[in-house]
Amino acid sequence: MFRQFFSRIIQLILVIFVLTLATFLLMKLAPGDPVLTILKASEGAVSQSDQEQVREELGLNLPLVQQYSLWLRGVIQLDLGKSYVNHRAVWDLMMDRLPATVYLTSGAIIVLLLISVPLGILAAKYKGKWPDYLSRLFALIGASIPSFWLGLLLIYVFAFKLNWLPTMGSGDVRHLILPSITLGVVMVPEYIRLLRSGLLDALSQEYVRAARARGIAEWRVIARHALRAALLPVITIFGMSLGALLAGSVVTETLFAWPGLGSMVMEAITQRNYPVIQGYVLLTGVFIVTANVLVDLSYSLFDPRIRSRRGKRV
């Protein structure tokens, strides 16, 4: 286990290094001149000397290799530069927005689990019967609905028509309900299909039939035997979903004016605020890579066969 953990940490460091290089180069290839953005050239004429002075202050007149090495040194020290708009440190801006994204992620995961786990189990348990058809119909409808359309529909029904919930912004728990449902329901169909398929395969295995033959209650057979094996593909997808959610859902946060990382990067894109975009892309990659490494390490907890094979190799 220690060897595997050490190997994954090395891979994580290498991937993050490649990610920093890709992020830096993409920002350099992005259209527009950040100097003109800082000087707000649209509000009036900007002299060439002013532009050169700003480039020198930001180090943009240095060779690309030197610029990258300076930026990478800052990344290691959690210094991602300063925003072109308000001149605040990018790291501080992201940390200010991160708690709101964590709250939204938690709400979306709760919605996802409350819907996908019961429907996935019912679909597998009652294969070919009405619970199965109902679950697959819900998954089909959910997969066909874009997140922005679902969000607008929820706002129209629960905010404007019924006046039960606020439309946008942050505050108490009521502000979290609609964006959480929007974000969670969109992910449900994939998890229902994976859980149903995994359970159908697990329920056909010899050890499950043996457990039933011993007279173990059906719900215990599903929960203690079949479900653990069926969760492996679900956990794999969940790792990617968790990383993406923690990075911030751009569409949902923008639609509900939720003050998280997603709405922050949308503002940065419209303002051509390259340091913020660069920091967001890097943070997104770190979240996704870290989530997948943790998921990979957790496999042995859910499947004893994997733990047994790793023990034999050691």
C-alpha atoms as a PDB file:
ATOM      1  CA  MET A   1       0.000   0.000   0.000  1.00  0.00           C
ATOM      2  CA  PHE A   2       2.848   2.359   0.840  1.00  0.00           C
ATOM      3  CA  ARG A   3       4.586   1.606  -2.453  1.00  0.00           C
ATOM      4  CA  GLN A   4       1.393   2.256  -4.353  1.00  0.00           C
ATOM      5  CA  PHE A   5       0.811   5.508  -2.472  1.00  0.00           C
ATOM      6  CA  PHE A   6       4.372   6.683  -3.155  1.00  0.00           C
ATOM      7  CA  SER A   7       4.027   5.797  -6.841  1.00  0.00           C
ATOM      8  CA  ARG A   8       0.776   7.766  -7.130  1.00  0.00           C
ATOM      9  CA  ILE A   9       2.342  10.792  -5.424  1.00  0.00           C
ATOM     10  CA  ILE A  10       5.202  10.779  -7.956  1.00  0.00           C
ATOM     11  CA  GLN A  11       2.684  10.548 -10.793  1.00  0.00           C
ATOM     12  CA  LEU A  12       0.690  13.380  -9.244  1.00  0.00           C
ATOM     13  CA  ILE A  13       3.755  15.643  -9.117  1.00  0.00           C
ATOM     14  CA  LEU A  14       4.648  14.874 -12.754  1.00  0.00           C
ATOM     15  CA  VAL A  15       1.110  15.497 -13.983  1.00  0.00           C
ATOM     16  CA  ILE A  16       0.902  18.802 -12.114  1.00  0.00           C
ATOM     17  CA  PHE A  17       4.243  19.865 -13.606  1.00  0.00           C
ATOM     18  CA  VAL A  18       2.989  19.113 -17.131  1.00  0.00           C
ATOM     19  CA  LEU A  19      -0.244  20.922 -16.266  1.00  0.00           C
ATOM     20  CA  THR A  20       1.640  24.064 -15.206  1.00  0.00           C
ATOM     21  CA  LEU A  21       3.540  24.053 -18.502  1.00  0.00           C
ATOM     22  CA  ALA A  22       0.370  23.559 -20.565  1.00  0.00           C
ATOM     23  CA  THR A  23      -1.488  26.242 -18.613  1.00  0.00           C
ATOM     24  CA  PHE A  24       1.321  28.760 -19.047  1.00  0.00           C
ATOM     25  CA  LEU A  25       1.614  28.147 -22.803  1.00  0.00           C
ATOM     26  CA  LEU A  26      -2.151  28.300 -23.355  1.00  0.00           C
ATOM     27  CA  MET A  27      -2.345  31.669 -21.660  1.00  0.00           C
ATOM     28  CA  LYS A  28       0.503  32.940 -23.830  1.00  0.00           C
ATOM     29  CA  LEU A  29      -1.370  31.779 -26.938  1.00  0.00           C
ATOM     30  CA  ALA A  30      -4.652  33.337 -25.826  1.00  0.00           C
ATOM     31  CA  PRO A  31      -5.866  36.297 -27.908  1.00  0.00           C
ATOM     32  CA  GLY A  32      -5.570  39.816 -26.607  1.00  0.00           C
ATOM     33  CA  ASP A  33      -2.857  41.792 -24.899  1.00  0.00           C
ATOM     34  CA  PRO A  34      -2.923  41.719 -21.090  1.00  0.00           C
ATOM     35  CA  VAL A  35      -1.045  45.021 -20.969  1.00  0.00           C
ATOM     36  CA  LEU A  36      -3.864  46.763 -22.808  1.00  0.00           C
ATOM     37  CA  THR A  37      -6.313  45.125 -20.418  1.00  0.00           C
ATOM     38  CA  ILE A  38      -4.459  46.532 -17.433  1.00  0.00           C
ATOM     39  CA  LEU A  39      -4.181  50.000 -18.923  1.00  0.00           C
ATOM     40  CA  LYS A  40      -7.833  49.904 -20.072  1.00  0.00           C
ATOM     41  CA  ALA A  41      -6.958  50.986 -23.563  1.00  0.00           C
ATOM     42  CA  SER A  42     -10.616  51.131 -24.532  1.00  0.00           C
ATOM     43  CA  GLU A  43     -11.073  54.193 -22.338  1.00  0.00           C
ATOM     44  CA  GLY A  44      -8.472  56.246 -24.139  1.00  0.00           C
ATOM     45  CA  ALA A  45      -5.169  56.294 -25.981  1.00  0.00           C
ATOM     46  CA  VAL A  46      -2.235  54.525 -24.350  1.00  0.00           C
ATOM     47  CA  SER A  47       1.286  55.470 -25.235  1.00  0.00           C
ATOM     48  CA  GLN A  48       3.904  52.914 -26.223  1.00  0.00           C
ATOM     49  CA  SER A  49       6.081  53.941 -23.285  1.00  0.00           C
ATOM     50  CA  ASP A  50       3.255  53.157 -20.853  1.00  0.00           C
ATOM     51  CA  GLN A  51       2.863  49.717 -22.390  1.00  0.00           C
ATOM     52  CA  GLU A  52       6.565  48.999 -22.176  1.00  0.00           C
ATOM     53  CA  GLN A  53       6.667  50.116 -18.563  1.00  0.00           C
ATOM     54  CA  VAL A  54       3.837  47.747 -17.604  1.00  0.00           C
ATOM     55  CA  ARG A  55       5.456  44.867 -19.515  1.00  0.00           C
ATOM     56  CA  GLU A  56       8.677  45.457 -17.622  1.00  0.00           C
ATOM     57  CA  GLU A  57       6.861  45.552 -14.274  1.00  0.00           C
ATOM     58  CA  LEU A  58       5.111  42.251 -15.028  1.00  0.00           C
ATOM     59  CA  GLY A  59       8.180  40.629 -16.537  1.00  0.00           C
ATOM     60  CA  LEU A  60       6.435  40.166 -19.891  1.00  0.00           C
ATOM     61  CA  ASN A  61       9.499  41.438 -21.726  1.00  0.00           C
ATOM     62  CA  LEU A  62      11.570  38.477 -20.504  1.00  0.00           C
ATOM     63  CA  PRO A  63      12.119  35.294 -22.571  1.00  0.00           C
ATOM     64  CA  LEU A  64       9.315  32.695 -22.243  1.00  0.00           C
ATOM     65  CA  VAL A  65      11.569  30.212 -20.472  1.00  0.00           C
ATOM     66  CA  GLN A  66      12.453  32.755 -17.826  1.00  0.00           C
ATOM     67  CA  GLN A  67       8.827  33.838 -17.478  1.00  0.00           C
ATOM     68  CA  TYR A  68       7.766  30.216 -16.966  1.00  0.00           C
ATOM     69  CA  SER A  69      10.484  29.524 -14.403  1.00  0.00           C
ATOM     70  CA  LEU A  70       9.489  32.612 -12.403  1.00  0.00           C
ATOM     71  CA  TRP A  71       5.805  31.668 -12.567  1.00  0.00           C
ATOM     72  CA  LEU A  72       6.536  28.057 -11.579  1.00  0.00           C
ATOM     73  CA  ARG A  73       8.559  29.257  -8.608  1.00  0.00           C
ATOM     74  CA  GLY A  74       5.569  31.345  -7.588  1.00  0.00           C
ATOM     75  CA  VAL A  75       3.203  28.374  -8.004  1.00  0.00           C
ATOM     76  CA  ILE A  76       5.360  26.303  -5.648  1.00  0.00           C
ATOM     77  CA  GLN A  77       5.065  29.127  -3.112  1.00  0.00           C
ATOM     78  CA  LEU A  78       1.283  29.413  -3.791  1.00  0.00           C
ATOM     79  CA  ASP A  79       1.851  32.761  -5.468  1.00  0.00           C
ATOM     80  CA  LEU A  80      -0.174  32.731  -8.695  1.00  0.00           C
ATOM     81  CA  GLY A  81       0.210  36.406  -9.442  1.00  0.00           C
ATOM     82  CA  LYS A  82      -2.264  39.248  -9.079  1.00  0.00           C
ATOM     83  CA  SER A  83      -5.563  39.982 -10.747  1.00  0.00           C
ATOM     84  CA  TYR A  84      -5.443  42.574 -13.525  1.00  0.00           C
ATOM     85  CA  VAL A  85      -8.778  44.026 -12.378  1.00  0.00           C
ATOM     86  CA  ASN A  86      -8.560  44.511  -8.613  1.00  0.00           C
ATOM     87  CA  HIS A  87      -4.832  43.727  -8.129  1.00  0.00           C
ATOM     88  CA  ARG A  88      -5.580  41.122  -5.463  1.00  0.00           C
ATOM     89  CA  ALA A  89      -3.554  37.936  -5.208  1.00  0.00           C
ATOM     90  CA  VAL A  90      -5.091  35.208  -7.374  1.00  0.00           C
ATOM     91  CA  TRP A  91      -4.621  32.617  -4.617  1.00  0.00           C
ATOM     92  CA  ASP A  92      -6.591  34.778  -2.170  1.00  0.00           C
ATOM     93  CA  LEU A  93      -9.355  35.290  -4.732  1.00  0.00           C
ATOM     94  CA  MET A  94      -9.716  31.548  -5.286  1.00  0.00           C
ATOM     95  CA  MET A  95      -9.656  30.743  -1.580  1.00  0.00           C
ATOM     96  CA  ASP A  96     -12.404  33.320  -1.024  1.00  0.00           C
ATOM     97  CA  ARG A  97     -14.566  31.591  -3.648  1.00  0.00           C
ATOM     98  CA  LEU A  98     -13.686  27.988  -2.774  1.00  0.00           C
ATOM     99  CA  PRO A  99     -16.006  27.596   0.280  1.00  0.00           C
ATOM    100  CA  ALA A 100     -19.071  28.473  -1.809  1.00  0.00           C
ATOM    101  CA  THR A 101     -18.068  25.864  -4.392  1.00  0.00           C
ATOM    102  CA  VAL A 102     -17.521  23.275  -1.624  1.00  0.00           C
ATOM    103  CA  TYR A 103     -21.040  23.955  -0.292  1.00  0.00           C
ATOM    104  CA  LEU A 104     -22.527  23.589  -3.763  1.00  0.00           C
ATOM    105  CA  THR A 105     -20.526  20.417  -4.382  1.00  0.00           C
ATOM    106  CA  SER A 106     -21.770  18.911  -1.121  1.00  0.00           C
ATOM    107  CA  GLY A 107     -25.367  19.754  -1.976  1.00  0.00           C
ATOM    108  CA  ALA A 108     -25.042  18.287  -5.474  1.00  0.00           C
ATOM    109  CA  ILE A 109     -23.504  15.052  -4.117  1.00  0.00           C
ATOM    110  CA  ILE A 110     -26.358  14.682  -1.606  1.00  0.00           C
ATOM    111  CA  VAL A 111     -28.922  15.085  -4.398  1.00  0.00           C
ATOM    112  CA  LEU A 112     -26.969  12.662  -6.583  1.00  0.00           C
ATOM    113  CA  LEU A 113     -26.834   9.952  -3.903  1.00  0.00           C
ATOM    114  CA  LEU A 114     -30.449  10.354  -2.792  1.00  0.00           C
ATOM    115  CA  ILE A 115     -31.694   9.812  -6.354  1.00  0.00           C
ATOM    116  CA  SER A 116     -29.199   7.554  -8.123  1.00  0.00           C
ATOM    117  CA  VAL A 117     -28.572   4.918  -5.417  1.00  0.00           C
ATOM    118  CA  PRO A 118     -32.248   3.973  -4.759  1.00  0.00           C
ATOM    119  CA  LEU A 119     -33.171   4.078  -8.446  1.00  0.00           C
ATOM    120  CA  GLY A 120     -30.095   2.085  -9.459  1.00  0.00           C
ATOM    121  CA  ILE A 121     -30.811  -0.598  -6.846  1.00  0.00           C
ATOM    122  CA  LEU A 122     -34.514  -0.794  -7.768  1.00  0.00           C
ATOM    123  CA  ALA A 123     -33.671  -1.054 -11.468  1.00  0.00           C
ATOM    124  CA  ALA A 124     -31.365  -4.013 -10.832  1.00  0.00           C
ATOM    125  CA  LYS A 125     -33.562  -5.714  -8.248  1.00  0.00           C
ATOM    126  CA  TYR A 126     -36.709  -5.521 -10.390  1.00  0.00           C
ATOM    127  CA  LYS A 127     -35.163  -5.992 -13.821  1.00  0.00           C
ATOM    128  CA  GLY A 128     -37.793  -5.946 -16.551  1.00  0.00           C
ATOM    129  CA  LYS A 129     -40.514  -4.646 -14.205  1.00  0.00           C
ATOM    130  CA  TRP A 130     -41.997  -1.207 -13.721  1.00  0.00           C
ATOM    131  CA  PRO A 131     -39.332   0.099 -11.237  1.00  0.00           C
ATOM    132  CA  ASP A 132     -36.689  -0.758 -13.841  1.00  0.00           C
ATOM    133  CA  TYR A 133     -38.591   1.007 -16.602  1.00  0.00           C
ATOM    134  CA  LEU A 134     -39.228   4.020 -14.357  1.00  0.00           C
ATOM    135  CA  SER A 135     -35.545   4.315 -13.435  1.00  0.00           C
ATOM    136  CA  ARG A 136     -34.396   4.037 -17.035  1.00  0.00           C
ATOM    137  CA  LEU A 137     -36.997   6.570 -18.138  1.00  0.00           C
ATOM    138  CA  PHE A 138     -35.758   9.022 -15.502  1.00  0.00           C
ATOM    139  CA  ALA A 139     -32.178   8.427 -16.619  1.00  0.00           C
ATOM    140  CA  LEU A 140     -33.105   8.999 -20.267  1.00  0.00           C
ATOM    141  CA  ILE A 141     -34.962  12.229 -19.502  1.00  0.00           C
ATOM    142  CA  GLY A 142     -32.187  13.456 -17.204  1.00  0.00           C
ATOM    143  CA  ALA A 143     -29.516  12.787 -19.803  1.00  0.00           C
ATOM    144  CA  SER A 144     -31.499  14.713 -22.423  1.00  0.00           C
ATOM    145  CA  ILE A 145     -31.959  17.888 -20.379  1.00  0.00           C
ATOM    146  CA  PRO A 146     -29.168  20.516 -20.505  1.00  0.00           C
ATOM    147  CA  SER A 147     -28.203  21.860 -17.107  1.00  0.00           C
ATOM    148  CA  PHE A 148     -28.986  25.480 -17.992  1.00  0.00           C
ATOM    149  CA  TRP A 149     -32.496  24.522 -19.189  1.00  0.00           C
ATOM    150  CA  LEU A 150     -33.175  22.543 -16.017  1.00  0.00           C
ATOM    151  CA  GLY A 151     -31.949  25.459 -13.928  1.00  0.00           C
ATOM    152  CA  LEU A 152     -34.201  27.906 -15.739  1.00  0.00           C
ATOM    153  CA  LEU A 153     -37.148  25.527 -15.329  1.00  0.00           C
ATOM    154  CA  LEU A 154     -36.535  25.219 -11.589  1.00  0.00           C
ATOM    155  CA  ILE A 155     -36.247  28.998 -11.235  1.00  0.00           C
ATOM    156  CA  TYR A 156     -39.505  29.489 -13.138  1.00  0.00           C
ATOM    157  CA  VAL A 157     -41.471  26.929 -11.109  1.00  0.00           C
ATOM    158  CA  PHE A 158     -40.114  27.261  -7.581  1.00  0.00           C
ATOM    159  CA  ALA A 159     -39.041  30.922  -7.568  1.00  0.00           C
ATOM    160  CA  PHE A 160     -41.441  32.793  -9.837  1.00  0.00           C
ATOM    161  CA  LYS A 161     -44.586  30.665  -9.810  1.00  0.00           C
ATOM    162  CA  LEU A 162     -44.572  29.181  -6.303  1.00  0.00           C
ATOM    163  CA  ASN A 163     -42.274  31.762  -4.693  1.00  0.00           C
ATOM    164  CA  TRP A 164     -40.817  29.105  -2.403  1.00  0.00           C
ATOM    165  CA  LEU A 165     -37.118  29.606  -3.029  1.00  0.00           C
ATOM    166  CA  PRO A 166     -34.787  32.504  -3.941  1.00  0.00           C
ATOM    167  CA  THR A 167     -33.664  32.732  -7.550  1.00  0.00           C
ATOM    168  CA  MET A 168     -29.980  33.505  -7.156  1.00  0.00           C
ATOM    169  CA  GLY A 169     -27.166  34.609  -4.898  1.00  0.00           C
ATOM    170  CA  SER A 170     -25.975  33.089  -1.630  1.00  0.00           C
ATOM    171  CA  GLY A 171     -27.206  33.292   1.927  1.00  0.00           C
ATOM    172  CA  ASP A 172     -28.967  30.565   3.892  1.00  0.00           C
ATOM    173  CA  VAL A 173     -29.631  26.945   2.923  1.00  0.00           C
ATOM    174  CA  ARG A 174     -32.608  27.944   0.764  1.00  0.00           C
ATOM    175  CA  HIS A 175     -30.252  29.605  -1.730  1.00  0.00           C
ATOM    176  CA  LEU A 176     -28.394  26.299  -2.096  1.00  0.00           C
ATOM    177  CA  ILE A 177     -31.381  24.091  -2.977  1.00  0.00           C
ATOM    178  CA  LEU A 178     -32.007  25.005  -6.624  1.00  0.00           C
ATOM    179  CA  PRO A 179     -28.365  25.039  -7.809  1.00  0.00           C
ATOM    180  CA  SER A 180     -27.709  21.770  -5.940  1.00  0.00           C
ATOM    181  CA  ILE A 181     -30.674  20.081  -7.612  1.00  0.00           C
ATOM    182  CA  THR A 182     -29.624  21.431 -11.001  1.00  0.00           C
ATOM    183  CA  LEU A 183     -26.074  20.196 -10.631  1.00  0.00           C
ATOM    184  CA  GLY A 184     -26.964  16.882  -9.005  1.00  0.00           C
ATOM    185  CA  VAL A 185     -29.809  15.797 -11.299  1.00  0.00           C
ATOM    186  CA  VAL A 186     -27.682  16.295 -14.411  1.00  0.00           C
ATOM    187  CA  MET A 187     -25.188  13.706 -13.108  1.00  0.00           C
ATOM    188  CA  VAL A 188     -27.798  11.178 -11.958  1.00  0.00           C
ATOM    189  CA  PRO A 189     -28.448   9.306 -15.266  1.00  0.00           C
ATOM    190  CA  GLU A 190     -24.874   8.094 -15.672  1.00  0.00           C
ATOM    191  CA  TYR A 191     -24.744   6.800 -12.106  1.00  0.00           C
ATOM    192  CA  ILE A 192     -28.084   4.994 -12.418  1.00  0.00           C
ATOM    193  CA  ARG A 193     -26.882   3.156 -15.511  1.00  0.00           C
ATOM    194  CA  LEU A 194     -23.526   2.236 -13.954  1.00  0.00           C
ATOM    195  CA  LEU A 195     -25.045   1.075 -10.674  1.00  0.00           C
ATOM    196  CA  ARG A 196     -27.746  -0.958 -12.416  1.00  0.00           C
ATOM    197  CA  SER A 197     -25.247  -2.641 -14.712  1.00  0.00           C
ATOM    198  CA  GLY A 198     -22.821  -3.362 -11.867  1.00  0.00           C
ATOM    199  CA  LEU A 199     -25.527  -4.790  -9.608  1.00  0.00           C
ATOM    200  CA  LEU A 200     -26.931  -7.034 -12.343  1.00  0.00           C
ATOM    201  CA  ASP A 201     -23.466  -8.463 -12.868  1.00  0.00           C
ATOM    202  CA  ALA A 202     -22.806  -8.871  -9.139  1.00  0.00           C
ATOM    203  CA  LEU A 203     -26.180 -10.486  -8.438  1.00  0.00           C
ATOM    204  CA  SER A 204     -25.396 -13.212 -10.967  1.00  0.00           C
ATOM    205  CA  GLN A 205     -22.159 -14.232  -9.224  1.00  0.00           C
ATOM    206  CA  GLU A 206     -21.701 -17.474  -7.295  1.00  0.00           C
ATOM    207  CA  TYR A 207     -20.998 -15.814  -3.934  1.00  0.00           C
ATOM    208  CA  VAL A 208     -24.313 -13.943  -4.116  1.00  0.00           C
ATOM    209  CA  ARG A 209     -26.228 -17.134  -4.887  1.00  0.00           C
ATOM    210  CA  ALA A 210     -24.409 -18.822  -2.007  1.00  0.00           C
ATOM    211  CA  ALA A 211     -25.416 -16.000   0.346  1.00  0.00           C
ATOM    212  CA  ARG A 212     -29.039 -16.373  -0.710  1.00  0.00           C
ATOM    213  CA  ALA A 213     -28.847 -20.139  -0.211  1.00  0.00           C
ATOM    214  CA  ARG A 214     -27.725 -19.575   3.398  1.00  0.00           C
ATOM    215  CA  GLY A 215     -30.972 -17.719   4.006  1.00  0.00           C
ATOM    216  CA  ILE A 216     -29.505 -14.215   4.300  1.00  0.00           C
ATOM    217  CA  ALA A 217     -32.108 -11.485   3.829  1.00  0.00           C
ATOM    218  CA  GLU A 218     -32.234 -10.033   0.329  1.00  0.00           C
ATOM    219  CA  TRP A 219     -31.497  -6.479   1.419  1.00  0.00           C
ATOM    220  CA  ARG A 220     -28.382  -7.688   3.253  1.00  0.00           C
ATOM    221  CA  VAL A 221     -27.259  -9.642   0.187  1.00  0.00           C
ATOM    222  CA  ILE A 222     -27.508  -6.494  -1.916  1.00  0.00           C
ATOM    223  CA  ALA A 223     -26.025  -4.088   0.633  1.00  0.00           C
ATOM    224  CA  ARG A 224     -23.174  -6.251   1.985  1.00  0.00           C
ATOM    225  CA  HIS A 225     -22.216  -8.370  -1.005  1.00  0.00           C
ATOM    226  CA  ALA A 226     -23.456  -7.163  -4.378  1.00  0.00           C
ATOM    227  CA  LEU A 227     -23.308  -3.412  -3.805  1.00  0.00           C
ATOM    228  CA  ARG A 228     -19.605  -3.327  -2.854  1.00  0.00           C
ATOM    229  CA  ALA A 229     -18.591  -4.998  -6.103  1.00  0.00           C
ATOM    230  CA  ALA A 230     -20.975  -2.840  -8.140  1.00  0.00           C
ATOM    231  CA  LEU A 231     -19.513   0.359  -6.714  1.00  0.00           C
ATOM    232  CA  LEU A 232     -16.107   0.070  -8.414  1.00  0.00           C
ATOM    233  CA  PRO A 233     -17.093   1.655 -11.779  1.00  0.00           C
ATOM    234  CA  VAL A 234     -19.263   4.156  -9.903  1.00  0.00           C
ATOM    235  CA  ILE A 235     -16.317   5.221  -7.740  1.00  0.00           C
ATOM    236  CA  THR A 236     -14.189   5.715 -10.852  1.00  0.00           C
ATOM    237  CA  ILE A 237     -16.699   8.136 -12.367  1.00  0.00           C
ATOM    238  CA  PHE A 238     -17.292   9.745  -8.990  1.00  0.00           C
ATOM    239  CA  GLY A 239     -13.617  10.691  -8.750  1.00  0.00           C
ATOM    240  CA  MET A 240     -13.797  12.649 -12.000  1.00  0.00           C
ATOM    241  CA  SER A 241     -17.146  14.184 -11.036  1.00  0.00           C
ATOM    242  CA  LEU A 242     -15.842  15.254  -7.632  1.00  0.00           C
ATOM    243  CA  GLY A 243     -12.800  16.925  -9.129  1.00  0.00           C
ATOM    244  CA  ALA A 244     -14.925  18.784 -11.664  1.00  0.00           C
ATOM    245  CA  LEU A 245     -17.446  19.841  -9.018  1.00  0.00           C
ATOM    246  CA  LEU A 246     -14.749  21.175  -6.707  1.00  0.00           C
ATOM    247  CA  ALA A 247     -13.325  23.145  -9.606  1.00  0.00           C
ATOM    248  CA  GLY A 248     -16.699  24.829  -9.940  1.00  0.00           C
ATOM    249  CA  SER A 249     -19.574  24.287 -12.324  1.00  0.00           C
ATOM    250  CA  VAL A 250     -19.383  27.277 -14.631  1.00  0.00           C
ATOM    251  CA  VAL A 251     -22.902  27.071 -16.097  1.00  0.00           C
ATOM    252  CA  THR A 252     -24.757  26.440 -12.837  1.00  0.00           C
ATOM    253  CA  GLU A 253     -22.860  29.003 -10.786  1.00  0.00           C
ATOM    254  CA  THR A 254     -23.283  31.638 -13.483  1.00  0.00           C
ATOM    255  CA  LEU A 255     -27.007  30.898 -13.887  1.00  0.00           C
ATOM    256  CA  PHE A 256     -27.723  31.186 -10.162  1.00  0.00           C
ATOM    257  CA  ALA A 257     -25.122  33.927  -9.506  1.00  0.00           C
ATOM    258  CA  TRP A 258     -23.502  31.577  -7.012  1.00  0.00           C
ATOM    259  CA  PRO A 259     -20.225  33.147  -5.778  1.00  0.00           C
ATOM    260  CA  GLY A 260     -17.981  30.148  -6.433  1.00  0.00           C
ATOM    261  CA  LEU A 261     -15.012  29.343  -8.634  1.00  0.00           C
ATOM    262  CA  GLY A 262     -17.146  28.831 -11.742  1.00  0.00           C
ATOM    263  CA  SER A 263     -18.663  32.304 -11.703  1.00  0.00           C
ATOM    264  CA  MET A 264     -15.241  33.747 -10.844  1.00  0.00           C
ATOM    265  CA  VAL A 265     -13.621  32.310 -13.974  1.00  0.00           C
ATOM    266  CA  MET A 266     -16.533  33.482 -16.145  1.00  0.00           C
ATOM    267  CA  GLU A 267     -15.941  37.024 -14.925  1.00  0.00           C
ATOM    268  CA  ALA A 268     -12.210  36.606 -15.573  1.00  0.00           C
ATOM    269  CA  ILE A 269     -12.830  35.409 -19.126  1.00  0.00           C
ATOM    270  CA  THR A 270     -15.014  38.394 -19.984  1.00  0.00           C
ATOM    271  CA  GLN A 271     -12.377  40.711 -18.501  1.00  0.00           C
ATOM    272  CA  ARG A 272      -9.400  38.873 -20.075  1.00  0.00           C
ATOM    273  CA  ASN A 273      -8.013  38.532 -16.590  1.00  0.00           C
ATOM    274  CA  TYR A 274      -5.341  35.997 -17.530  1.00  0.00           C
ATOM    275  CA  PRO A 275      -3.728  35.395 -14.106  1.00  0.00           C
ATOM    276  CA  VAL A 276      -7.110  34.399 -12.647  1.00  0.00           C
ATOM    277  CA  ILE A 277      -7.882  32.107 -15.599  1.00  0.00           C
ATOM    278  CA  GLN A 278      -4.434  30.588 -15.331  1.00  0.00           C
ATOM    279  CA  GLY A 279      -4.824  29.952 -11.611  1.00  0.00           C
ATOM    280  CA  TYR A 280      -8.292  28.461 -12.089  1.00  0.00           C
ATOM    281  CA  VAL A 281      -7.138  26.037 -14.792  1.00  0.00           C
ATOM    282  CA  LEU A 282      -4.249  24.920 -12.604  1.00  0.00           C
ATOM    283  CA  LEU A 283      -6.459  24.464  -9.543  1.00  0.00           C
ATOM    284  CA  THR A 284      -9.000  22.531 -11.637  1.00  0.00           C
ATOM    285  CA  GLY A 285      -6.318  20.141 -12.825  1.00  0.00           C
ATOM    286  CA  VAL A 286      -4.991  19.620  -9.302  1.00  0.00           C
ATOM    287  CA  PHE A 287      -8.487  18.801  -8.011  1.00  0.00           C
ATOM    288  CA  ILE A 288      -9.215  16.315 -10.788  1.00  0.00           C
ATOM    289  CA  VAL A 289      -5.825  14.580 -10.629  1.00  0.00           C
ATOM    290  CA  THR A 290      -5.896  14.369  -6.824  1.00  0.00           C
ATOM    291  CA  ALA A 291      -9.466  13.001  -6.820  1.00  0.00           C
ATOM    292  CA  ASN A 292      -8.527  10.285  -9.299  1.00  0.00           C
ATOM    293  CA  VAL A 293      -5.439   9.301  -7.297  1.00  0.00           C
ATOM    294  CA  LEU A 294      -7.544   8.986  -4.128  1.00  0.00           C
ATOM    295  CA  VAL A 295     -10.139   6.942  -5.992  1.00  0.00           C
ATOM    296  CA  ASP A 296      -7.458   4.617  -7.305  1.00  0.00           C
ATOM    297  CA  LEU A 297      -6.114   4.104  -3.792  1.00  0.00           C
ATOM    298  CA  SER A 298      -9.609   3.393  -2.447  1.00  0.00           C
ATOM    299  CA  TYR A 299     -10.302   0.457  -4.773  1.00  0.00           C
ATOM    300  CA  SER A 300      -8.813  -2.081  -2.366  1.00  0.00           C
ATOM    301  CA  LEU A 301     -11.243  -0.941   0.346  1.00  0.00           C
ATOM    302  CA  PHE A 302     -14.249  -1.926  -1.761  1.00  0.00           C
ATOM    303  CA  ASP A 303     -12.910  -5.022  -3.508  1.00  0.00           C
ATOM    304  CA  PRO A 304     -10.883  -7.509  -1.409  1.00  0.00           C
ATOM    305  CA  ARG A 305      -9.726  -9.237  -4.614  1.00  0.00           C
ATOM    306  CA  ILE A 306      -7.692  -6.151  -5.574  1.00  0.00           C
ATOM    307  CA  ARG A 307      -6.119  -6.038  -2.115  1.00  0.00           C
ATOM    308  CA  SER A 308      -5.273  -9.737  -2.394  1.00  0.00           C
ATOM    309  CA  ARG A 309      -3.635  -9.362  -5.812  1.00  0.00           C
ATOM    310  CA  ARG A 310      -1.551  -6.392  -4.608  1.00  0.00           C
ATOM    311  CA  GLY A 311      -0.447  -8.347  -1.571  1.00  0.00           C
ATOM    312  CA  LYS A 312       0.751 -11.219  -3.763  1.00  0.00           C
ATOM    313  CA  ARG A 313       2.768  -8.872  -5.955  1.00  0.00           C
ATOM    314  CA  VAL A 314       4.489  -7.406  -2.919  1.00  0.00           C
END
